[in-house]
Protein backbone atom coordinates (compact mmCIF):
# COMPACT_ATOMS: atom_id res chain seq x y z
CA MET A 1 217.63 261.45 33.97
CA TYR A 2 220.61 259.92 32.19
CA ARG A 3 223.23 262.25 30.71
CA TYR A 4 225.48 261.30 27.80
CA ASP A 5 229.09 260.43 28.53
CA GLU A 6 231.96 261.04 26.09
CA PHE A 7 231.36 257.77 24.26
CA ASP A 8 227.64 258.54 23.78
CA HIS A 9 228.43 261.93 22.23
CA GLU A 10 231.04 260.49 19.87
CA PHE A 11 228.83 257.56 18.88
CA VAL A 12 225.74 259.65 18.06
CA THR A 13 227.76 262.34 16.25
CA ALA A 14 229.54 259.70 14.14
CA ARG A 15 226.22 258.03 13.30
CA VAL A 16 224.76 261.34 12.08
CA ALA A 17 227.79 261.96 9.84
CA GLN A 18 227.60 258.43 8.49
CA PHE A 19 223.92 258.76 7.68
CA ARG A 20 224.44 262.16 6.05
CA ASP A 21 226.81 260.48 3.59
CA GLN A 22 224.31 257.66 2.96
CA VAL A 23 221.47 260.10 2.32
CA GLY A 24 223.67 262.06 -0.07
CA ARG A 25 224.39 258.91 -2.05
CA ARG A 26 220.67 258.01 -2.13
CA VAL A 27 219.65 261.49 -3.33
CA SER A 28 222.34 261.42 -6.04
CA GLY A 29 221.15 258.02 -7.24
CA GLU A 30 224.34 256.21 -6.25
CA LEU A 31 222.25 254.02 -3.91
CA THR A 32 218.97 252.45 -4.97
CA GLU A 33 216.02 252.42 -2.55
CA ASP A 34 216.61 248.71 -1.90
CA GLN A 35 220.25 249.39 -1.06
CA PHE A 36 219.31 252.37 1.09
CA LYS A 37 216.54 250.61 3.05
CA PRO A 38 218.69 248.77 5.64
CA LEU A 39 220.77 251.93 6.15
CA ARG A 40 217.79 254.21 6.77
CA LEU A 41 216.11 251.69 9.08
CA MET A 42 219.21 251.75 11.30
CA ASN A 43 218.54 255.48 11.67
CA GLY A 44 214.80 255.47 12.30
CA VAL A 45 213.69 256.38 8.77
CA TYR A 46 210.74 254.63 7.11
CA LEU A 47 209.24 255.10 3.65
CA GLN A 48 205.52 255.68 4.20
CA LEU A 49 202.67 256.14 1.72
CA HIS A 50 203.38 259.79 0.96
CA ALA A 51 206.82 260.60 2.33
CA TYR A 52 209.67 259.38 4.49
CA MET A 53 208.93 259.18 8.22
CA LEU A 54 211.45 259.86 10.99
CA ARG A 55 210.97 258.10 14.33
CA VAL A 56 212.94 259.61 17.22
CA ALA A 57 213.78 257.59 20.34
CA VAL A 58 212.59 258.67 23.77
CA PRO A 59 214.28 255.97 25.88
CA TYR A 60 211.87 254.58 28.51
CA GLY A 61 209.66 257.59 27.75
CA THR A 62 211.71 260.12 29.75
CA LEU A 63 212.80 263.56 28.54
CA ASN A 64 213.32 267.08 29.86
CA SER A 65 212.07 270.50 28.79
CA GLU A 66 215.07 271.23 26.56
CA GLN A 67 214.52 268.00 24.66
CA MET A 68 210.79 268.62 24.32
CA ARG A 69 211.51 272.09 22.93
CA MET A 70 213.83 270.49 20.40
CA LEU A 71 211.05 268.10 19.35
CA ALA A 72 208.83 271.15 18.84
CA HIS A 73 211.59 272.85 16.82
CA VAL A 74 211.99 269.78 14.58
CA ALA A 75 208.23 269.72 14.03
CA ARG A 76 208.27 273.35 12.88
CA LYS A 77 211.45 273.31 10.82
CA TYR A 78 211.43 269.87 9.24
CA ASP A 79 207.79 268.76 9.32
CA ARG A 80 204.33 270.34 9.25
CA GLY A 81 204.21 271.73 12.76
CA TYR A 82 203.30 268.62 14.73
CA GLY A 83 204.55 265.20 15.84
CA HIS A 84 202.91 261.90 16.66
CA PHE A 85 203.70 260.20 19.99
CA THR A 86 203.69 256.43 19.62
CA THR A 87 202.89 253.32 21.64
CA ARG A 88 206.65 252.69 22.02
CA GLN A 89 207.02 256.00 23.92
CA ASN A 90 208.74 257.57 20.88
CA ILE A 91 207.76 260.41 18.55
CA GLN A 92 207.52 260.26 14.79
CA TYR A 93 207.40 262.92 12.09
CA ASN A 94 205.42 262.03 9.00
CA TRP A 95 206.53 264.65 6.47
CA PRO A 96 210.29 265.35 6.60
CA LYS A 97 212.30 265.75 3.38
CA LEU A 98 214.89 263.00 3.11
CA SER A 99 217.63 265.47 2.26
CA GLU A 100 216.95 267.37 5.51
CA ILE A 101 216.76 264.42 7.89
CA PRO A 102 220.53 264.44 8.65
CA ASP A 103 220.20 268.09 9.69
CA ALA A 104 217.27 267.20 11.96
CA LEU A 105 219.29 264.36 13.51
CA ALA A 106 222.24 266.70 14.08
CA GLU A 107 220.00 269.16 15.92
CA LEU A 108 218.49 266.33 17.98
CA ALA A 109 222.01 265.14 18.88
CA SER A 110 222.73 268.56 20.39
CA VAL A 111 220.22 267.74 23.15
CA GLU A 112 221.25 264.08 23.49
CA MET A 113 218.52 262.61 21.30
CA HIS A 114 218.74 260.24 18.35
CA ALA A 115 216.75 257.78 16.21
CA ILE A 116 218.77 254.65 16.97
CA GLN A 117 216.83 251.50 17.95
CA THR A 118 213.54 252.83 16.63
CA SER A 119 213.38 250.52 13.60
CA GLY A 120 214.93 247.44 12.03
CA ASN A 121 215.66 243.98 13.39
CA CYS A 122 217.30 245.13 16.59
CA ILE A 123 216.40 245.56 20.25
CA ARG A 124 213.96 248.45 20.04
CA ASN A 125 213.56 251.33 22.47
CA VAL A 126 213.22 249.79 25.95
CA THR A 127 209.97 251.00 27.51
CA ALA A 128 208.89 251.45 31.13
CA ASP A 129 206.02 252.51 33.35
CA HIS A 130 205.28 256.17 32.57
CA PHE A 131 204.88 256.86 36.30
CA ALA A 132 208.27 255.29 37.11
CA GLY A 133 210.15 257.00 39.92
CA ALA A 134 206.98 258.73 41.08
CA ALA A 135 204.32 256.06 41.56
CA GLU A 136 203.11 255.41 45.07
CA ASP A 137 202.91 251.65 44.44
CA GLU A 138 206.32 250.88 42.92
CA VAL A 139 209.02 248.77 44.57
CA ALA A 140 211.83 250.67 42.84
CA ASP A 141 212.34 252.87 39.78
CA PRO A 142 212.70 250.56 36.73
CA ARG A 143 214.32 253.20 34.49
CA PRO A 144 217.94 252.65 35.62
CA TYR A 145 217.62 249.06 34.41
CA ALA A 146 216.03 250.21 31.16
CA GLU A 147 219.02 252.53 30.65
CA ILE A 148 221.48 249.73 31.44
CA LEU A 149 219.72 247.53 28.88
CA ARG A 150 219.82 250.36 26.34
CA GLN A 151 223.57 250.87 26.73
CA TRP A 152 224.26 247.13 26.69
CA SER A 153 222.18 246.43 23.58
CA SER A 154 223.02 249.42 21.35
CA LEU A 155 226.20 248.03 19.78
CA HIS A 156 226.26 244.46 21.04
CA PRO A 157 227.43 242.17 18.19
CA GLU A 158 224.95 239.46 19.21
CA PHE A 159 222.05 241.78 18.35
CA VAL A 160 223.16 243.38 15.07
CA PHE A 161 221.21 240.92 12.91
CA LEU A 162 218.34 239.39 14.85
CA PRO A 163 215.66 237.30 13.10
CA ARG A 164 213.16 240.12 13.78
CA LYS A 165 212.68 243.22 15.90
CA PHE A 166 212.87 242.61 19.64
CA LYS A 167 211.00 244.54 22.33
CA VAL A 168 211.72 244.79 26.06
CA ALA A 169 209.63 246.45 28.78
CA VAL A 170 210.28 246.95 32.51
CA THR A 171 207.91 247.75 35.35
CA GLY A 172 208.54 248.30 39.04
CA ALA A 173 205.01 248.00 40.44
CA GLU A 174 202.52 245.18 40.99
CA ARG A 175 200.10 247.10 38.77
CA ASP A 176 201.63 246.68 35.33
CA ARG A 177 201.41 249.93 33.39
CA ALA A 178 204.12 248.93 30.88
CA ALA A 179 202.33 245.94 29.30
CA ILE A 180 205.31 243.67 29.97
CA GLN A 181 203.39 240.48 29.16
CA VAL A 182 203.02 241.41 25.50
CA HIS A 183 206.74 241.93 24.96
CA ASP A 184 209.54 239.67 23.76
CA ILE A 185 211.09 240.11 27.21
CA GLY A 186 209.07 241.53 30.10
CA LEU A 187 210.78 242.36 33.39
CA HIS A 188 208.89 242.86 36.64
CA LEU A 189 211.14 244.49 39.24
CA LYS A 190 210.42 243.06 42.69
CA LYS A 191 211.97 242.13 46.04
CA ASP A 192 212.50 238.64 47.41
CA ALA A 193 211.84 237.51 50.99
CA GLU A 194 215.20 238.95 52.08
CA GLY A 195 214.47 242.34 50.52
CA ARG A 196 216.90 241.93 47.58
CA LEU A 197 215.96 243.49 44.25
CA GLY A 198 215.51 241.28 41.22
CA PHE A 199 213.14 240.48 38.38
CA ALA A 200 210.38 238.12 37.40
CA VAL A 201 211.22 237.32 33.77
CA TYR A 202 208.62 236.83 31.04
CA ILE A 203 209.40 235.90 27.42
CA GLY A 204 207.50 235.30 24.21
CA GLY A 205 204.75 237.89 24.41
CA GLY A 206 203.70 240.04 21.49
CA GLN A 207 200.89 241.22 19.29
CA GLY A 208 200.79 241.40 15.49
CA ARG A 209 199.72 238.52 13.29
CA THR A 210 199.98 235.95 16.09
CA PRO A 211 199.20 237.61 19.44
CA MET A 212 200.45 235.84 22.55
CA VAL A 213 200.79 236.50 26.27
CA ALA A 214 204.35 235.97 27.54
CA LYS A 215 205.33 233.02 29.70
CA LYS A 216 207.07 233.51 33.03
CA ILE A 217 210.34 231.55 32.94
CA ARG A 218 211.88 232.83 36.15
CA ASP A 219 210.13 234.07 39.26
CA PHE A 220 213.18 235.86 40.63
CA LEU A 221 216.39 236.82 38.85
CA PRO A 222 218.92 238.65 41.07
CA GLU A 223 219.59 242.22 39.98
CA GLU A 224 223.27 241.59 39.19
CA ASP A 225 222.35 238.85 36.69
CA LEU A 226 220.14 241.03 34.48
CA LEU A 227 222.56 241.31 31.55
CA SER A 228 223.84 237.75 31.56
CA TYR A 229 220.33 236.30 31.71
CA SER A 230 219.06 238.66 29.00
CA GLU A 231 222.00 237.68 26.82
CA ALA A 232 221.21 234.01 27.37
CA ILE A 233 217.65 234.62 26.14
CA LEU A 234 218.88 236.51 23.09
CA ARG A 235 221.46 233.83 22.29
CA VAL A 236 218.84 231.08 22.35
CA TYR A 237 216.57 233.19 20.14
CA ASN A 238 219.33 234.23 17.74
CA LEU A 239 220.41 230.61 17.30
CA ASN A 240 216.96 229.04 16.95
CA GLY A 241 214.66 231.81 15.74
CA ARG A 242 213.40 231.28 12.20
CA ARG A 243 214.87 233.40 9.42
CA ASP A 244 213.05 231.75 6.51
CA ASN A 245 209.65 233.28 7.30
CA LYS A 246 209.35 236.72 8.84
CA TYR A 247 205.85 235.94 10.09
CA LYS A 248 207.28 233.14 12.23
CA ALA A 249 210.53 234.81 13.22
CA ARG A 250 209.56 236.42 16.52
CA ILE A 251 210.60 234.78 19.78
CA LYS A 252 206.94 234.22 20.66
CA ILE A 253 206.72 231.67 17.83
CA LEU A 254 209.89 229.96 19.04
CA VAL A 255 208.47 229.75 22.57
CA HIS A 256 205.12 228.49 21.29
CA GLU A 257 206.52 225.84 18.96
CA THR A 258 209.31 224.65 21.24
CA GLY A 259 207.39 224.94 24.49
CA ALA A 260 207.98 227.37 27.33
CA ASP A 261 209.48 224.72 29.62
CA GLU A 262 212.01 223.63 27.00
CA ILE A 263 212.95 227.21 26.12
CA ALA A 264 213.37 227.97 29.82
CA ARG A 265 215.67 224.94 30.11
CA GLN A 266 217.75 226.11 27.13
CA VAL A 267 218.00 229.63 28.55
CA GLU A 268 219.08 228.34 31.95
CA GLU A 269 221.66 226.08 30.31
CA GLU A 270 223.07 228.94 28.24
CA TRP A 271 223.05 231.21 31.27
CA GLU A 272 225.06 228.74 33.32
CA ARG A 273 227.62 228.72 30.53
CA ILE A 274 228.09 232.51 30.35
CA ARG A 275 227.01 233.90 33.74
CA HIS A 276 230.40 233.62 35.42
CA GLY A 277 232.15 235.69 32.76
CA ALA A 278 232.28 239.49 32.56
CA LEU A 279 228.50 239.96 32.31
CA LYS A 280 227.72 240.26 36.02
CA LEU A 281 226.30 243.70 36.65
CA PRO A 282 228.50 245.48 39.24
CA GLN A 283 226.56 247.04 42.09
CA GLY A 284 228.65 250.18 41.70
CA GLU A 285 227.47 250.56 38.11
CA VAL A 286 223.85 250.07 39.15
CA GLU A 287 224.25 252.79 41.78
CA ARG A 288 225.99 255.10 39.29
CA ILE A 289 223.13 254.80 36.79
CA ARG A 290 220.53 254.99 39.55
CA GLU A 291 221.93 258.35 40.64
CA TYR A 292 220.95 259.83 37.27
CA PHE A 293 217.32 259.07 38.12
CA ALA A 294 217.34 260.30 41.71
CA ALA A 295 214.51 262.66 42.57
CA PRO A 296 215.45 266.35 42.85
CA ASP A 297 216.48 267.44 46.35
CA THR A 298 213.66 269.97 46.30
CA LEU A 299 211.03 267.27 45.74
CA THR A 300 209.98 267.01 49.38
CA ALA A 301 206.74 266.32 51.23
CA LEU A 302 204.21 269.14 51.31
CA PRO A 303 201.24 269.79 53.60
CA PRO A 304 197.67 269.46 52.27
CA SER A 305 196.53 272.26 49.98
CA PRO A 306 193.24 273.82 51.21
CA ALA A 307 193.12 275.93 48.04
CA LEU A 308 192.93 272.80 45.88
CA ALA A 309 189.75 271.60 47.61
CA ILE A 310 188.21 275.06 47.21
CA GLU A 311 189.05 275.22 43.49
CA ARG A 312 187.70 271.71 42.90
CA ALA A 313 184.43 272.59 44.61
CA ARG A 314 184.18 275.83 42.62
CA ASP A 315 184.97 274.37 39.16
CA PRO A 316 183.36 271.01 38.21
CA GLU A 317 185.46 270.68 35.04
CA PHE A 318 188.68 271.17 36.99
CA ASP A 319 187.43 268.69 39.57
CA ALA A 320 186.78 266.10 36.85
CA TRP A 321 190.27 266.66 35.41
CA VAL A 322 191.92 266.16 38.81
CA GLU A 323 189.84 263.03 39.36
CA ARG A 324 190.76 261.42 36.01
CA ASN A 325 194.13 262.86 35.02
CA THR A 326 196.16 262.71 38.23
CA HIS A 327 197.85 259.68 39.78
CA PRO A 328 199.02 259.10 43.39
CA HIS A 329 202.63 260.09 44.06
CA ARG A 330 205.04 258.48 46.51
CA ILE A 331 205.77 261.86 48.13
CA ALA A 332 203.00 263.57 50.09
CA GLY A 333 201.53 266.70 48.54
CA HIS A 334 202.33 265.67 44.96
CA VAL A 335 200.71 263.83 42.06
CA SER A 336 201.60 262.78 38.54
CA VAL A 337 199.58 264.52 35.82
CA THR A 338 198.43 262.94 32.57
CA ILE A 339 198.21 265.47 29.73
CA SER A 340 195.71 263.94 27.36
CA LEU A 341 196.61 264.00 23.68
CA LYS A 342 193.07 262.77 22.95
CA PRO A 343 190.85 265.85 22.55
CA ILE A 344 187.32 264.99 21.48
CA GLY A 345 187.45 264.52 17.71
CA GLY A 346 191.25 264.85 17.58
CA THR A 347 194.00 262.55 16.31
CA PRO A 348 195.23 260.31 19.14
CA GLY A 349 198.85 260.96 20.03
CA ASP A 350 199.34 264.11 17.95
CA ALA A 351 200.76 267.28 19.50
CA THR A 352 201.51 270.57 17.78
CA ALA A 353 204.83 272.33 18.15
CA ASP A 354 203.12 275.03 20.24
CA GLN A 355 201.63 272.40 22.54
CA MET A 356 205.03 270.74 22.96
CA ASP A 357 206.55 274.09 23.85
CA LEU A 358 203.85 274.67 26.46
CA VAL A 359 204.43 271.26 28.04
CA ALA A 360 208.16 272.01 28.12
CA ASP A 361 207.48 275.33 29.83
CA LEU A 362 205.17 273.77 32.43
CA ALA A 363 207.73 271.06 33.15
CA LYS A 364 210.48 273.63 33.62
CA ARG A 365 208.47 275.92 35.88
CA LEU A 366 206.19 273.59 37.82
CA ALA A 367 207.22 269.94 37.37
CA PHE A 368 210.94 269.61 38.18
CA ASP A 369 211.89 269.70 34.49
CA GLU A 370 210.73 266.20 33.69
CA ILE A 371 208.27 264.85 31.11
CA ARG A 372 207.20 261.35 30.19
CA VAL A 373 205.62 259.80 27.11
CA SER A 374 203.20 256.97 27.90
CA HIS A 375 202.63 253.95 25.68
CA GLU A 376 199.00 255.09 25.72
CA GLN A 377 200.08 258.10 23.60
CA ASN A 378 199.74 260.76 26.27
CA LEU A 379 202.27 263.03 28.00
CA ILE A 380 202.97 262.94 31.73
CA LEU A 381 204.28 265.48 34.23
CA PRO A 382 205.46 262.98 36.85
CA HIS A 383 206.17 265.34 39.77
CA VAL A 384 203.58 268.06 40.38
CA ALA A 385 202.73 269.78 43.66
CA LYS A 386 199.00 269.61 44.31
CA SER A 387 199.03 273.33 44.99
CA ASP A 388 200.14 273.93 41.37
CA LEU A 389 197.42 271.83 39.71
CA LYS A 390 195.04 274.72 39.03
CA ALA A 391 197.75 276.83 37.41
CA ILE A 392 198.77 273.93 35.18
CA TYR A 393 195.17 273.12 34.30
CA ASP A 394 194.38 276.70 33.32
CA GLU A 395 197.29 276.79 30.87
CA LEU A 396 196.38 273.38 29.44
CA VAL A 397 192.83 274.58 28.83
CA VAL A 398 194.07 277.42 26.64
CA ALA A 399 196.25 274.99 24.66
CA GLY A 400 193.49 272.40 24.15
CA LEU A 401 195.28 269.87 26.37
CA ALA A 402 192.94 269.66 29.36
CA THR A 403 190.59 266.87 28.27
CA ALA A 404 189.64 264.99 31.45
CA ASN A 405 189.48 261.55 29.85
CA ALA A 406 192.52 259.53 31.00
CA GLY A 407 191.46 255.87 30.96
CA LEU A 408 187.97 256.62 29.65
CA VAL A 409 186.27 255.59 26.43
CA THR A 410 187.67 258.56 24.42
CA ASP A 411 191.27 257.96 25.58
CA ILE A 412 191.76 255.86 22.43
CA ILE A 413 195.03 254.37 21.21
CA ALA A 414 195.27 254.43 17.41
CA CYS A 415 198.02 253.85 14.89
CA PRO A 416 198.41 256.26 11.92
CA GLY A 417 196.68 253.69 9.67
CA LEU A 418 196.06 254.11 5.98
CA ASP A 419 196.33 257.90 6.19
CA TYR A 420 200.11 257.44 6.39
CA CYS A 421 201.29 253.83 6.62
CA ALA A 422 202.22 251.77 3.58
CA LEU A 423 201.40 248.55 5.48
CA ALA A 424 197.88 249.53 6.55
CA ASN A 425 194.71 248.08 5.10
CA ALA A 426 192.30 250.61 6.59
CA ARG A 427 192.13 254.00 8.24
CA SER A 428 192.42 254.23 12.02
CA ILE A 429 192.40 257.96 12.71
CA PRO A 430 188.91 258.80 11.32
CA VAL A 431 187.38 255.88 13.22
CA ALA A 432 189.00 257.04 16.46
CA GLN A 433 187.78 260.58 15.84
CA ARG A 434 184.20 259.49 15.19
CA ILE A 435 184.08 257.20 18.25
CA SER A 436 185.50 260.04 20.34
CA GLN A 437 182.79 262.38 19.09
CA ARG A 438 180.04 259.82 19.65
CA PHE A 439 181.06 259.42 23.30
CA GLY A 440 182.22 263.01 23.78
CA ASP A 441 179.77 263.91 26.55
CA MET A 442 181.83 263.85 29.75
CA GLU A 443 178.95 262.78 31.97
CA ARG A 444 178.37 259.78 29.74
CA GLN A 445 182.08 258.93 29.75
CA ARG A 446 182.22 258.99 33.53
CA ASP A 447 179.12 256.78 33.72
CA ILE A 448 180.79 254.22 31.41
CA GLY A 449 183.97 254.28 33.51
CA ASP A 450 187.32 252.70 32.74
CA LEU A 451 187.35 251.42 29.17
CA LYS A 452 190.27 251.08 26.79
CA ILE A 453 189.55 251.19 23.05
CA LYS A 454 192.52 250.45 20.79
CA ILE A 455 192.56 250.62 16.99
CA SER A 456 194.99 249.20 14.41
CA GLY A 457 194.89 249.73 10.67
CA CYS A 458 196.49 246.35 9.94
CA ILE A 459 197.42 243.04 11.53
CA ASN A 460 200.80 244.41 12.68
CA ALA A 461 198.85 245.82 15.65
CA CYS A 462 200.73 249.09 16.19
CA GLY A 463 197.52 250.31 17.84
CA HIS A 464 197.61 247.41 20.34
CA HIS A 465 194.08 246.32 19.40
CA HIS A 466 194.68 242.78 20.69
CA VAL A 467 194.88 244.06 24.28
CA GLY A 468 192.10 246.61 24.09
CA HIS A 469 189.07 246.03 26.27
CA ILE A 470 187.49 246.78 22.92
CA GLY A 471 189.89 246.21 20.05
CA ILE A 472 189.28 247.31 16.47
CA LEU A 473 191.25 245.91 13.53
CA GLY A 474 190.95 247.46 10.09
CA VAL A 475 190.91 244.96 7.21
CA GLU A 476 190.50 245.23 3.46
CA LYS A 477 187.75 243.24 1.73
CA LYS A 478 187.23 243.55 -2.02
CA GLY A 479 188.67 247.03 -2.03
CA GLU A 480 186.60 248.28 0.92
CA GLU A 481 187.58 248.97 4.52
CA PHE A 482 186.00 246.81 7.22
CA TYR A 483 186.57 246.68 10.96
CA GLN A 484 186.77 243.56 13.09
CA ILE A 485 185.88 243.88 16.79
CA SER A 486 187.56 241.92 19.59
CA LEU A 487 186.54 242.07 23.23
CA GLY A 488 188.18 241.28 26.56
CA GLY A 489 191.81 242.12 25.85
CA SER A 490 194.07 243.62 28.49
CA GLY A 491 197.71 244.70 28.71
CA ASP A 492 198.04 244.85 32.50
CA GLU A 493 199.25 242.33 35.09
CA ASN A 494 196.31 240.09 34.11
CA SER A 495 197.03 240.27 30.39
CA SER A 496 194.68 238.67 27.90
CA ILE A 497 194.22 238.66 24.14
CA GLY A 498 190.84 239.92 22.98
CA GLU A 499 188.38 237.48 21.40
CA ILE A 500 187.07 238.22 17.91
CA ILE A 501 183.32 238.68 18.27
CA GLY A 502 182.18 238.00 14.70
CA ARG A 503 182.10 239.42 11.18
CA GLY A 504 183.53 242.85 10.50
CA PHE A 505 181.65 246.12 10.13
CA SER A 506 181.86 248.70 7.36
CA THR A 507 183.19 252.21 7.87
CA GLU A 508 179.59 253.41 8.17
CA GLU A 509 178.65 250.71 10.70
CA ILE A 510 181.61 250.54 13.05
CA VAL A 511 180.80 253.44 15.38
CA ASP A 512 177.22 252.22 15.86
CA ALA A 513 178.61 248.75 16.60
CA ILE A 514 180.92 250.10 19.29
CA GLU A 515 178.03 251.99 20.84
CA THR A 516 176.00 248.76 20.86
CA VAL A 517 178.82 246.98 22.71
CA VAL A 518 179.04 249.78 25.28
CA ASP A 519 175.27 249.97 25.75
CA THR A 520 175.13 246.20 26.26
CA TYR A 521 177.74 246.50 28.98
CA ILE A 522 175.79 249.30 30.70
CA ALA A 523 172.62 247.18 30.62
CA LYS A 524 174.33 244.01 31.89
CA ARG A 525 176.76 245.28 34.54
CA GLU A 526 176.02 244.19 38.09
CA SER A 527 176.74 247.62 39.53
CA HIS A 528 178.18 250.96 38.53
CA ASP A 529 181.51 249.80 39.96
CA GLU A 530 181.79 246.77 37.67
CA THR A 531 184.16 247.75 34.85
CA PHE A 532 183.68 246.77 31.22
CA LEU A 533 186.52 244.26 31.40
CA ALA A 534 185.20 242.66 34.60
CA ALA A 535 181.70 242.44 33.12
CA TYR A 536 182.96 240.88 29.90
CA ARG A 537 185.01 238.29 31.78
CA ARG A 538 181.91 237.42 33.82
CA LEU A 539 179.42 237.40 30.94
CA GLY A 540 181.47 236.08 28.04
CA GLN A 541 180.73 236.80 24.38
CA ALA A 542 177.09 235.77 24.21
CA PRO A 543 175.21 238.96 25.18
CA PHE A 544 177.49 241.16 23.07
CA LYS A 545 177.26 238.85 20.08
CA GLU A 546 173.50 238.75 20.34
CA ALA A 547 173.30 242.53 20.56
CA LEU A 548 175.55 242.96 17.50
CA TYR A 549 174.32 240.15 15.27
CA GLY A 550 170.98 239.03 16.68
CA THR A 551 172.32 235.64 17.76
CA ALA A 552 174.71 234.31 20.37
């Protein structure tokens, strides 16, 4: 993984000192909250319902054991003993004291972590496939390009004052696990007919108030043109994006109102103007960054593990965990392991300091000292020998981290909602907990199969409800919380925005409504192998609407 150079250290240290002074002036009353707001947002600090919240960057979701231990330490010392992993592959702390946040940032800086690009109208933390560098199906590791984009965008003058926040995601496999088509810029790393690396470029995707699937504006962009072409996109957006209405300020609105073909023409025109300057990405620099992400020399092919088959046959729960929570690895004898942060009845994405320490220890001892955060709010050990799976599982069981539900109905994405967020209209966490409990039986979950439920407490869609196979949006109606259901969304390579099925349901009704949707799918699927999403796309709304409301 990437290591700070001298500039990185100086930059982050200076930012901490600068923010310490700003916090001191806010605490003394020299700065009002309105004056302080843009300063704190540049350093990942939000004002929530009950306290300030600190969001720490985990660039492209990659960290090591030392960094994970520091996150655990911050949870213990500056918060209430836990952290919340987010859909942007970051972590946030909901209860820090403002006066202590500079100290927390200083400690994070000691392990090359910071809170820059986690808030405000800037290019946010660049995200990537959580199996990057390990996945059997990827063309190349997308993380070096995510790191190049991070370095390029951090202090670029063109991006200091964008019309709105700007999100970029990169994937290196045909199966999109980074949801690139619901990002402002989505990059699909691929090879052309001659075997050269480059990118399919998508722009104008996003969720929130106006959800849209991105448009492909270039089928193949050569690797060396990544920065110049990205800058051309940002220049067109910065010049033409609306600043008079924040609800219409995202690039997706610009693409929609101007037309994808016309925006593509403007980007190409701007690119021709700037591409021959100093923005061409040198191959030597690509190779230098790529070396940081090279697999360890000791990560070599291993023979089959007879013991694993014996243990799976002996222990049905372990067998179910291996079946659901491991992913094929590019090197024989290894897998990637998903550590579910979705225990039945738990808060999606939360991990205690003790759990973080355990994951750090497992990564150090048995997983080549590497950990990932997924946008689905789980943790990943990307490189695990199959022969070590039972040892890892046994320790996860003790820590309450061995739920075998990756990709199943209880693997729910949920934002913090009205329990924490000042923008929320309704609670997300209790709904997720109740749905998880309703479908907690593992045999039932396996019978239902792959199903993504995603819950947001407001239209900002931090819970990605628009691209849930079943999406749930909390709304406020005459002082009461209601929940609107959408069906058929997806954030993969065949992205789609879910369709609202009808009127909302009360807090008391929503779990029963979700069960009705699931039961309707079970009754209508053509075979056990037909997934919920495939069945919905075949059947349409009618049978689900009739089951929920008595009429199609």
